[in-house]
């Protein structure tokens, strides 16, 4: 690691600590030439996930876009920001562990619905009304009936 003071390329690691989420390592280093101490951060380079939309177009996975959709479904519901963050983390972790670079948007929607069903039924129905693209009131009522049957 190049020293920012003298430009020497040799340093020694004085201390290493892992971040709370385990995704990064913070290292304190000391230049072997001038003795200057500096901090470096090391993290795994991740391949960005691509979302395959219904029309087969592709776009990078956008955590904030998904957060907005989930928050919209949870408006005026007893779902905390922390719980939404946890849900997003669970979804991202699930797809990161799939070892694939492309995820169909339908699969993301399915997983969000699965998670929302356990968190808040109204948020589930709100999200489902957009995700499942109900064509008429009968398809909406069928989803409500199915949900009622599951909760019994």
N, C-alpha and C. Protein backbone atom coordinates (compact mmCIF):
# COMPACT_ATOMS: atom_id res chain seq x y z
N UNK A 1 0.86 -1.17 0.00
CA UNK A 1 0.00 0.00 0.00
C UNK A 1 0.90 1.23 0.00
N UNK A 2 0.65 2.14 -0.89
CA UNK A 2 1.49 3.33 -1.06
C UNK A 2 1.21 4.36 0.04
N UNK A 3 2.28 4.83 0.69
CA UNK A 3 2.17 5.85 1.74
C UNK A 3 1.81 7.18 1.08
N UNK A 4 0.82 7.87 1.65
CA UNK A 4 0.39 9.15 1.07
C UNK A 4 1.36 10.29 1.39
N UNK A 5 2.30 10.07 2.33
CA UNK A 5 3.26 11.12 2.70
C UNK A 5 4.54 11.01 1.88
N UNK A 6 5.18 9.82 1.91
CA UNK A 6 6.48 9.68 1.24
C UNK A 6 6.43 8.86 -0.05
N UNK A 7 5.32 8.18 -0.32
CA UNK A 7 5.19 7.40 -1.54
C UNK A 7 5.78 6.00 -1.47
N UNK A 8 6.33 5.63 -0.33
CA UNK A 8 6.90 4.29 -0.16
C UNK A 8 5.80 3.23 -0.32
N UNK A 9 6.15 2.12 -0.94
CA UNK A 9 5.17 1.06 -1.18
C UNK A 9 5.15 -0.01 -0.09
N UNK A 10 6.03 0.10 0.89
CA UNK A 10 6.09 -0.92 1.94
C UNK A 10 5.50 -0.38 3.23
N UNK A 11 4.56 -1.15 3.77
CA UNK A 11 3.94 -0.80 5.04
C UNK A 11 3.64 -2.09 5.79
N UNK A 12 3.35 -1.93 7.07
CA UNK A 12 2.96 -3.10 7.86
C UNK A 12 1.60 -2.83 8.47
N UNK A 13 0.84 -3.88 8.66
CA UNK A 13 -0.48 -3.77 9.27
C UNK A 13 -0.31 -3.74 10.78
N UNK A 14 -0.83 -2.68 11.40
CA UNK A 14 -0.75 -2.52 12.85
C UNK A 14 -1.98 -3.12 13.53
N UNK A 15 -3.15 -2.95 12.88
CA UNK A 15 -4.40 -3.42 13.47
C UNK A 15 -5.41 -3.69 12.36
N UNK A 16 -6.21 -4.74 12.51
CA UNK A 16 -7.29 -5.05 11.56
C UNK A 16 -8.58 -5.27 12.34
N UNK A 17 -9.66 -4.69 11.83
CA UNK A 17 -10.97 -4.89 12.46
C UNK A 17 -12.03 -5.07 11.38
N UNK A 18 -12.94 -5.98 11.66
CA UNK A 18 -14.04 -6.24 10.74
C UNK A 18 -15.20 -5.30 11.06
N UNK A 19 -15.91 -4.83 10.04
CA UNK A 19 -17.08 -3.98 10.26
C UNK A 19 -18.18 -4.81 10.91
N UNK A 20 -19.18 -4.12 11.47
CA UNK A 20 -20.27 -4.81 12.15
C UNK A 20 -20.99 -5.80 11.26
N UNK A 21 -21.20 -5.42 10.00
CA UNK A 21 -21.92 -6.32 9.09
C UNK A 21 -21.03 -7.36 8.44
N UNK A 22 -19.72 -7.29 8.73
CA UNK A 22 -18.78 -8.28 8.21
C UNK A 22 -18.42 -8.09 6.75
N UNK A 23 -18.84 -6.97 6.17
CA UNK A 23 -18.62 -6.75 4.74
C UNK A 23 -17.30 -6.04 4.43
N UNK A 24 -16.69 -5.42 5.44
CA UNK A 24 -15.46 -4.65 5.21
C UNK A 24 -14.45 -4.95 6.31
N UNK A 25 -13.19 -4.70 5.98
CA UNK A 25 -12.12 -4.80 6.98
C UNK A 25 -11.40 -3.46 7.00
N UNK A 26 -11.26 -2.92 8.20
CA UNK A 26 -10.52 -1.67 8.39
C UNK A 26 -9.13 -2.04 8.87
N UNK A 27 -8.10 -1.52 8.21
CA UNK A 27 -6.72 -1.83 8.59
C UNK A 27 -5.97 -0.54 8.90
N UNK A 28 -5.27 -0.53 10.04
CA UNK A 28 -4.35 0.55 10.37
C UNK A 28 -2.99 0.08 9.90
N UNK A 29 -2.33 0.91 9.13
CA UNK A 29 -1.02 0.57 8.57
C UNK A 29 0.01 1.60 8.99
N UNK A 30 1.27 1.16 8.96
CA UNK A 30 2.38 2.06 9.27
C UNK A 30 3.41 1.95 8.15
N UNK A 31 3.80 3.10 7.61
CA UNK A 31 4.81 3.14 6.55
C UNK A 31 6.15 2.71 7.14
N UNK A 32 6.84 1.80 6.47
CA UNK A 32 8.13 1.30 6.98
C UNK A 32 9.26 2.30 6.74
N UNK A 33 9.03 3.31 5.93
CA UNK A 33 10.07 4.30 5.65
C UNK A 33 9.96 5.52 6.58
N UNK A 34 8.77 6.16 6.61
CA UNK A 34 8.64 7.41 7.38
C UNK A 34 7.86 7.25 8.68
N UNK A 35 7.23 6.09 8.90
CA UNK A 35 6.51 5.84 10.15
C UNK A 35 5.10 6.40 10.20
N UNK A 36 4.64 7.02 9.12
CA UNK A 36 3.28 7.57 9.09
C UNK A 36 2.26 6.43 9.19
N UNK A 37 1.22 6.68 10.00
CA UNK A 37 0.14 5.70 10.12
C UNK A 37 -1.04 6.17 9.28
N UNK A 38 -1.68 5.22 8.62
CA UNK A 38 -2.85 5.54 7.80
C UNK A 38 -3.82 4.37 7.83
N UNK A 39 -5.05 4.64 7.41
CA UNK A 39 -6.12 3.64 7.45
C UNK A 39 -6.52 3.26 6.03
N UNK A 40 -6.72 1.96 5.83
CA UNK A 40 -7.25 1.47 4.55
C UNK A 40 -8.49 0.63 4.84
N UNK A 41 -9.35 0.55 3.85
CA UNK A 41 -10.55 -0.27 3.96
C UNK A 41 -10.54 -1.29 2.83
N UNK A 42 -10.92 -2.49 3.18
CA UNK A 42 -10.93 -3.59 2.21
C UNK A 42 -12.33 -4.17 2.20
N UNK A 43 -12.87 -4.38 0.99
CA UNK A 43 -14.18 -5.01 0.89
C UNK A 43 -14.23 -5.87 -0.36
N UNK A 44 -15.13 -6.82 -0.35
CA UNK A 44 -15.29 -7.72 -1.48
C UNK A 44 -15.94 -6.95 -2.61
N UNK A 45 -15.39 -7.10 -3.79
CA UNK A 45 -15.99 -6.47 -4.96
C UNK A 45 -17.15 -7.35 -5.41
N UNK A 46 -18.30 -6.75 -5.44
CA UNK A 46 -19.48 -7.52 -5.81
C UNK A 46 -19.88 -7.22 -7.25
N UNK A 47 -20.42 -8.22 -7.89
CA UNK A 47 -20.93 -8.05 -9.25
C UNK A 47 -22.35 -7.51 -9.11
N UNK A 48 -22.64 -6.39 -9.76
CA UNK A 48 -23.99 -5.83 -9.61
C UNK A 48 -25.06 -6.77 -10.15
N UNK A 49 -26.13 -6.89 -9.40
CA UNK A 49 -27.25 -7.71 -9.83
C UNK A 49 -28.04 -6.95 -10.88
N UNK A 50 -28.47 -7.65 -11.91
CA UNK A 50 -29.30 -7.06 -12.96
C UNK A 50 -30.71 -7.61 -12.83
N UNK A 51 -31.68 -6.74 -12.95
CA UNK A 51 -33.09 -7.13 -12.89
C UNK A 51 -33.60 -7.27 -14.32
N UNK A 52 -34.19 -8.43 -14.61
CA UNK A 52 -34.79 -8.67 -15.92
C UNK A 52 -36.27 -8.35 -15.80
N UNK A 53 -36.69 -7.30 -16.48
CA UNK A 53 -38.07 -6.83 -16.39
C UNK A 53 -38.99 -7.67 -17.27
N UNK A 54 -40.29 -7.43 -17.14
CA UNK A 54 -41.27 -8.21 -17.91
C UNK A 54 -41.04 -8.11 -19.42
N UNK A 55 -40.61 -6.94 -19.88
CA UNK A 55 -40.38 -6.75 -21.32
C UNK A 55 -39.00 -7.24 -21.76
N UNK A 56 -38.31 -7.96 -20.87
CA UNK A 56 -36.98 -8.54 -21.10
C UNK A 56 -35.85 -7.50 -21.08
N UNK A 57 -36.17 -6.24 -20.82
CA UNK A 57 -35.10 -5.24 -20.67
C UNK A 57 -34.41 -5.49 -19.33
N UNK A 58 -33.21 -4.95 -19.19
CA UNK A 58 -32.43 -5.17 -17.97
C UNK A 58 -32.03 -3.83 -17.38
N UNK A 59 -32.01 -3.79 -16.04
CA UNK A 59 -31.52 -2.60 -15.34
C UNK A 59 -30.87 -3.06 -14.05
N UNK A 60 -29.92 -2.28 -13.53
CA UNK A 60 -29.25 -2.66 -12.29
C UNK A 60 -30.26 -2.71 -11.13
N UNK A 61 -30.04 -3.65 -10.22
CA UNK A 61 -30.88 -3.74 -9.02
C UNK A 61 -30.72 -2.44 -8.25
N UNK A 62 -31.83 -1.83 -7.88
CA UNK A 62 -31.81 -0.56 -7.16
C UNK A 62 -32.51 -0.74 -5.82
N UNK A 63 -31.71 -0.81 -4.78
CA UNK A 63 -32.24 -1.03 -3.43
C UNK A 63 -33.23 0.07 -3.05
N UNK A 64 -32.89 1.31 -3.37
CA UNK A 64 -33.75 2.44 -2.98
C UNK A 64 -35.08 2.42 -3.73
N UNK A 65 -35.06 1.97 -4.95
CA UNK A 65 -36.31 1.86 -5.72
C UNK A 65 -37.22 0.82 -5.06
N UNK A 66 -36.64 -0.31 -4.68
CA UNK A 66 -37.42 -1.35 -4.01
C UNK A 66 -37.90 -0.86 -2.65
N UNK A 67 -37.03 -0.13 -1.92
CA UNK A 67 -37.42 0.43 -0.62
C UNK A 67 -38.65 1.32 -0.79
N UNK A 68 -38.65 2.17 -1.81
CA UNK A 68 -39.79 3.06 -2.06
C UNK A 68 -41.08 2.31 -2.29
N UNK A 69 -41.01 1.22 -3.04
CA UNK A 69 -42.21 0.42 -3.31
C UNK A 69 -42.72 -0.26 -2.05
N UNK A 70 -41.81 -0.75 -1.24
CA UNK A 70 -42.21 -1.41 0.01
C UNK A 70 -42.76 -0.37 0.98
N UNK A 71 -42.11 0.79 1.07
CA UNK A 71 -42.60 1.85 1.97
C UNK A 71 -44.00 2.30 1.56
N UNK A 72 -44.24 2.41 0.25
CA UNK A 72 -45.55 2.81 -0.24
C UNK A 72 -46.62 1.80 0.22
N UNK A 73 -46.28 0.53 0.19
CA UNK A 73 -47.23 -0.51 0.64
C UNK A 73 -47.45 -0.45 2.15
N UNK A 74 -46.47 0.08 2.88
CA UNK A 74 -46.54 0.10 4.35
C UNK A 74 -46.99 1.44 4.93
N UNK A 75 -47.40 2.38 4.07
CA UNK A 75 -47.84 3.70 4.55
C UNK A 75 -48.99 3.54 5.54
N UNK A 76 -48.87 4.24 6.66
CA UNK A 76 -49.88 4.23 7.73
C UNK A 76 -50.14 2.84 8.29
N UNK A 77 -49.11 2.00 8.25
CA UNK A 77 -49.19 0.66 8.83
C UNK A 77 -48.14 0.57 9.93
N UNK A 78 -48.31 -0.32 10.89
CA UNK A 78 -47.34 -0.42 12.00
C UNK A 78 -46.08 -1.20 11.61
N UNK A 79 -45.41 -0.74 10.56
CA UNK A 79 -44.18 -1.38 10.09
C UNK A 79 -43.07 -0.35 10.21
N UNK A 80 -42.09 -0.64 11.05
CA UNK A 80 -41.00 0.32 11.30
C UNK A 80 -40.02 0.38 10.14
N UNK A 81 -39.29 1.48 10.09
CA UNK A 81 -38.23 1.64 9.10
C UNK A 81 -37.18 0.55 9.28
N UNK A 82 -36.90 0.21 10.53
CA UNK A 82 -35.92 -0.85 10.81
C UNK A 82 -36.38 -2.18 10.23
N UNK A 83 -37.68 -2.46 10.32
CA UNK A 83 -38.20 -3.72 9.79
C UNK A 83 -38.11 -3.74 8.26
N UNK A 84 -38.35 -2.58 7.64
CA UNK A 84 -38.22 -2.49 6.18
C UNK A 84 -36.77 -2.69 5.79
N UNK A 85 -35.84 -2.08 6.54
CA UNK A 85 -34.41 -2.27 6.27
C UNK A 85 -34.01 -3.74 6.40
N UNK A 86 -34.54 -4.40 7.42
CA UNK A 86 -34.25 -5.82 7.62
C UNK A 86 -34.79 -6.64 6.45
N UNK A 87 -36.00 -6.32 6.01
CA UNK A 87 -36.60 -7.02 4.87
C UNK A 87 -35.74 -6.84 3.62
N UNK A 88 -35.28 -5.61 3.37
CA UNK A 88 -34.41 -5.35 2.22
C UNK A 88 -33.12 -6.15 2.32
N UNK A 89 -32.53 -6.19 3.52
CA UNK A 89 -31.30 -6.95 3.73
C UNK A 89 -31.54 -8.44 3.44
N UNK A 90 -32.65 -8.98 3.92
CA UNK A 90 -32.98 -10.39 3.68
C UNK A 90 -33.13 -10.68 2.19
N UNK A 91 -33.78 -9.78 1.48
CA UNK A 91 -33.99 -9.96 0.04
C UNK A 91 -32.66 -9.89 -0.71
N UNK A 92 -31.84 -8.88 -0.39
CA UNK A 92 -30.54 -8.75 -1.05
C UNK A 92 -29.65 -9.95 -0.77
N UNK A 93 -29.65 -10.41 0.48
CA UNK A 93 -28.84 -11.56 0.85
C UNK A 93 -29.30 -12.81 0.11
N UNK A 94 -30.60 -12.99 0.03
CA UNK A 94 -31.15 -14.15 -0.69
C UNK A 94 -30.65 -14.18 -2.13
N UNK A 95 -30.75 -13.05 -2.82
CA UNK A 95 -30.35 -13.02 -4.22
C UNK A 95 -28.83 -13.07 -4.39
N UNK A 96 -28.10 -12.50 -3.46
CA UNK A 96 -26.63 -12.58 -3.53
C UNK A 96 -26.18 -14.03 -3.38
N UNK A 97 -26.89 -14.80 -2.57
CA UNK A 97 -26.54 -16.20 -2.36
C UNK A 97 -26.99 -17.12 -3.50
N UNK A 98 -27.79 -16.61 -4.41
CA UNK A 98 -28.26 -17.41 -5.54
C UNK A 98 -27.17 -17.61 -6.59
N UNK A 99 -26.10 -16.85 -6.49
CA UNK A 99 -24.96 -16.97 -7.40
C UNK A 99 -25.37 -16.75 -8.85
N UNK A 100 -26.27 -15.82 -9.06
CA UNK A 100 -26.67 -15.46 -10.42
C UNK A 100 -26.57 -13.95 -10.57
N UNK A 101 -26.30 -13.50 -11.76
CA UNK A 101 -26.14 -12.07 -12.00
C UNK A 101 -27.44 -11.41 -12.43
N UNK A 102 -28.41 -12.21 -12.87
CA UNK A 102 -29.67 -11.68 -13.35
C UNK A 102 -30.84 -12.28 -12.59
N UNK A 103 -31.76 -11.40 -12.17
CA UNK A 103 -32.92 -11.82 -11.39
C UNK A 103 -34.17 -11.32 -12.10
N UNK A 104 -35.12 -12.19 -12.38
CA UNK A 104 -36.38 -11.71 -12.96
C UNK A 104 -37.13 -10.83 -11.95
N UNK A 105 -37.71 -9.74 -12.42
CA UNK A 105 -38.45 -8.84 -11.52
C UNK A 105 -39.58 -9.59 -10.83
N UNK A 106 -40.16 -10.58 -11.51
CA UNK A 106 -41.24 -11.38 -10.91
C UNK A 106 -40.74 -12.13 -9.67
N UNK A 107 -39.49 -12.57 -9.70
CA UNK A 107 -38.93 -13.29 -8.56
C UNK A 107 -38.73 -12.34 -7.37
N UNK A 108 -38.32 -11.12 -7.65
CA UNK A 108 -38.18 -10.12 -6.58
C UNK A 108 -39.54 -9.85 -5.97
N UNK A 109 -40.54 -9.63 -6.82
CA UNK A 109 -41.90 -9.38 -6.33
C UNK A 109 -42.44 -10.53 -5.51
N UNK A 110 -42.19 -11.75 -5.96
CA UNK A 110 -42.66 -12.93 -5.23
C UNK A 110 -42.06 -12.99 -3.83
N UNK A 111 -40.75 -12.71 -3.74
CA UNK A 111 -40.08 -12.76 -2.44
C UNK A 111 -40.56 -11.64 -1.52
N UNK A 112 -40.76 -10.44 -2.07
CA UNK A 112 -41.29 -9.33 -1.27
C UNK A 112 -42.66 -9.70 -0.72
N UNK A 113 -43.51 -10.26 -1.57
CA UNK A 113 -44.84 -10.68 -1.11
C UNK A 113 -44.77 -11.72 0.00
N UNK A 114 -43.89 -12.68 -0.18
CA UNK A 114 -43.72 -13.73 0.82
C UNK A 114 -43.34 -13.13 2.18
N UNK A 115 -42.42 -12.16 2.15
CA UNK A 115 -41.97 -11.51 3.39
C UNK A 115 -43.06 -10.61 3.97
N UNK A 116 -43.74 -9.84 3.11
CA UNK A 116 -44.78 -8.93 3.60
C UNK A 116 -45.96 -9.68 4.20
N UNK A 117 -46.25 -10.86 3.68
CA UNK A 117 -47.37 -11.66 4.20
C UNK A 117 -47.18 -11.91 5.70
N UNK A 118 -45.93 -12.12 6.11
CA UNK A 118 -45.65 -12.40 7.52
C UNK A 118 -45.55 -11.13 8.36
N UNK A 119 -45.39 -9.99 7.72
CA UNK A 119 -45.20 -8.73 8.45
C UNK A 119 -46.53 -8.00 8.66
N UNK A 120 -47.28 -7.79 7.56
CA UNK A 120 -48.51 -7.01 7.64
C UNK A 120 -49.41 -7.36 6.45
N UNK A 121 -50.60 -7.84 6.74
CA UNK A 121 -51.50 -8.30 5.68
C UNK A 121 -51.96 -7.18 4.76
N UNK A 122 -52.18 -5.98 5.32
CA UNK A 122 -52.62 -4.86 4.49
C UNK A 122 -51.50 -4.44 3.54
N UNK A 123 -50.27 -4.37 4.05
CA UNK A 123 -49.12 -4.04 3.20
C UNK A 123 -48.97 -5.11 2.11
N UNK A 124 -49.20 -6.36 2.47
CA UNK A 124 -49.15 -7.45 1.49
C UNK A 124 -50.14 -7.20 0.35
N UNK A 125 -51.39 -6.91 0.71
CA UNK A 125 -52.44 -6.69 -0.31
C UNK A 125 -52.11 -5.48 -1.17
N UNK A 126 -51.61 -4.42 -0.54
CA UNK A 126 -51.25 -3.23 -1.32
C UNK A 126 -50.16 -3.56 -2.34
N UNK A 127 -49.13 -4.27 -1.89
CA UNK A 127 -48.03 -4.62 -2.80
C UNK A 127 -48.54 -5.58 -3.88
N UNK A 128 -49.36 -6.54 -3.47
CA UNK A 128 -49.90 -7.52 -4.42
C UNK A 128 -50.76 -6.86 -5.48
N UNK A 129 -51.48 -5.80 -5.11
CA UNK A 129 -52.36 -5.14 -6.08
C UNK A 129 -51.57 -4.55 -7.24
N UNK A 130 -50.33 -4.15 -6.99
CA UNK A 130 -49.48 -3.64 -8.06
C UNK A 130 -48.72 -4.79 -8.72
N UNK A 131 -48.11 -5.63 -7.90
CA UNK A 131 -47.27 -6.71 -8.41
C UNK A 131 -48.06 -7.71 -9.26
N UNK A 132 -49.23 -8.10 -8.76
CA UNK A 132 -50.03 -9.12 -9.47
C UNK A 132 -50.90 -8.52 -10.56
N UNK A 133 -50.97 -7.20 -10.63
CA UNK A 133 -51.68 -6.52 -11.71
C UNK A 133 -53.09 -7.07 -11.89
N UNK A 134 -53.89 -6.97 -10.82
CA UNK A 134 -55.26 -7.47 -10.88
C UNK A 134 -56.02 -6.78 -12.01
N UNK A 135 -56.72 -7.58 -12.80
CA UNK A 135 -57.45 -7.05 -13.96
C UNK A 135 -58.85 -6.58 -13.60
N UNK A 136 -59.42 -7.16 -12.53
CA UNK A 136 -60.77 -6.77 -12.13
C UNK A 136 -60.94 -7.04 -10.64
N UNK A 137 -62.09 -6.67 -10.12
CA UNK A 137 -62.38 -6.81 -8.70
C UNK A 137 -62.42 -8.27 -8.28
N UNK A 138 -62.83 -9.16 -9.18
CA UNK A 138 -62.92 -10.59 -8.85
C UNK A 138 -61.54 -11.18 -8.55
N UNK A 139 -60.54 -10.80 -9.35
CA UNK A 139 -59.19 -11.32 -9.08
C UNK A 139 -58.64 -10.77 -7.77
N UNK A 140 -59.01 -9.52 -7.46
CA UNK A 140 -58.60 -8.92 -6.19
C UNK A 140 -59.27 -9.65 -5.02
N UNK A 141 -60.57 -9.90 -5.15
CA UNK A 141 -61.31 -10.61 -4.10
C UNK A 141 -60.80 -12.04 -3.93
N UNK A 142 -60.40 -12.67 -5.02
CA UNK A 142 -59.85 -14.03 -4.94
C UNK A 142 -58.56 -14.04 -4.12
N UNK A 143 -57.73 -13.02 -4.31
CA UNK A 143 -56.50 -12.91 -3.53
C UNK A 143 -56.81 -12.71 -2.05
N UNK A 144 -57.80 -11.87 -1.75
CA UNK A 144 -58.21 -11.66 -0.35
C UNK A 144 -58.73 -12.96 0.27
N UNK A 145 -59.54 -13.70 -0.49
CA UNK A 145 -60.08 -14.96 0.01
C UNK A 145 -58.96 -15.96 0.28
N UNK A 146 -58.00 -16.02 -0.63
CA UNK A 146 -56.86 -16.93 -0.44
C UNK A 146 -56.07 -16.55 0.81
N UNK A 147 -55.92 -15.27 1.02
CA UNK A 147 -55.19 -14.80 2.20
C UNK A 147 -55.95 -15.15 3.48
N UNK A 148 -57.26 -14.99 3.46
CA UNK A 148 -58.07 -15.34 4.63
C UNK A 148 -57.95 -16.83 4.93
N UNK A 149 -57.98 -17.66 3.92
CA UNK A 149 -57.87 -19.11 4.11
C UNK A 149 -56.52 -19.48 4.71
N UNK A 150 -55.46 -18.79 4.30
CA UNK A 150 -54.12 -19.07 4.84
C UNK A 150 -54.01 -18.69 6.30
N UNK A 151 -54.69 -17.61 6.70
CA UNK A 151 -54.56 -17.13 8.07
C UNK A 151 -55.43 -17.91 9.05
N UNK A 152 -56.28 -18.78 8.54
CA UNK A 152 -57.14 -19.59 9.44
C UNK A 152 -56.45 -20.83 9.89
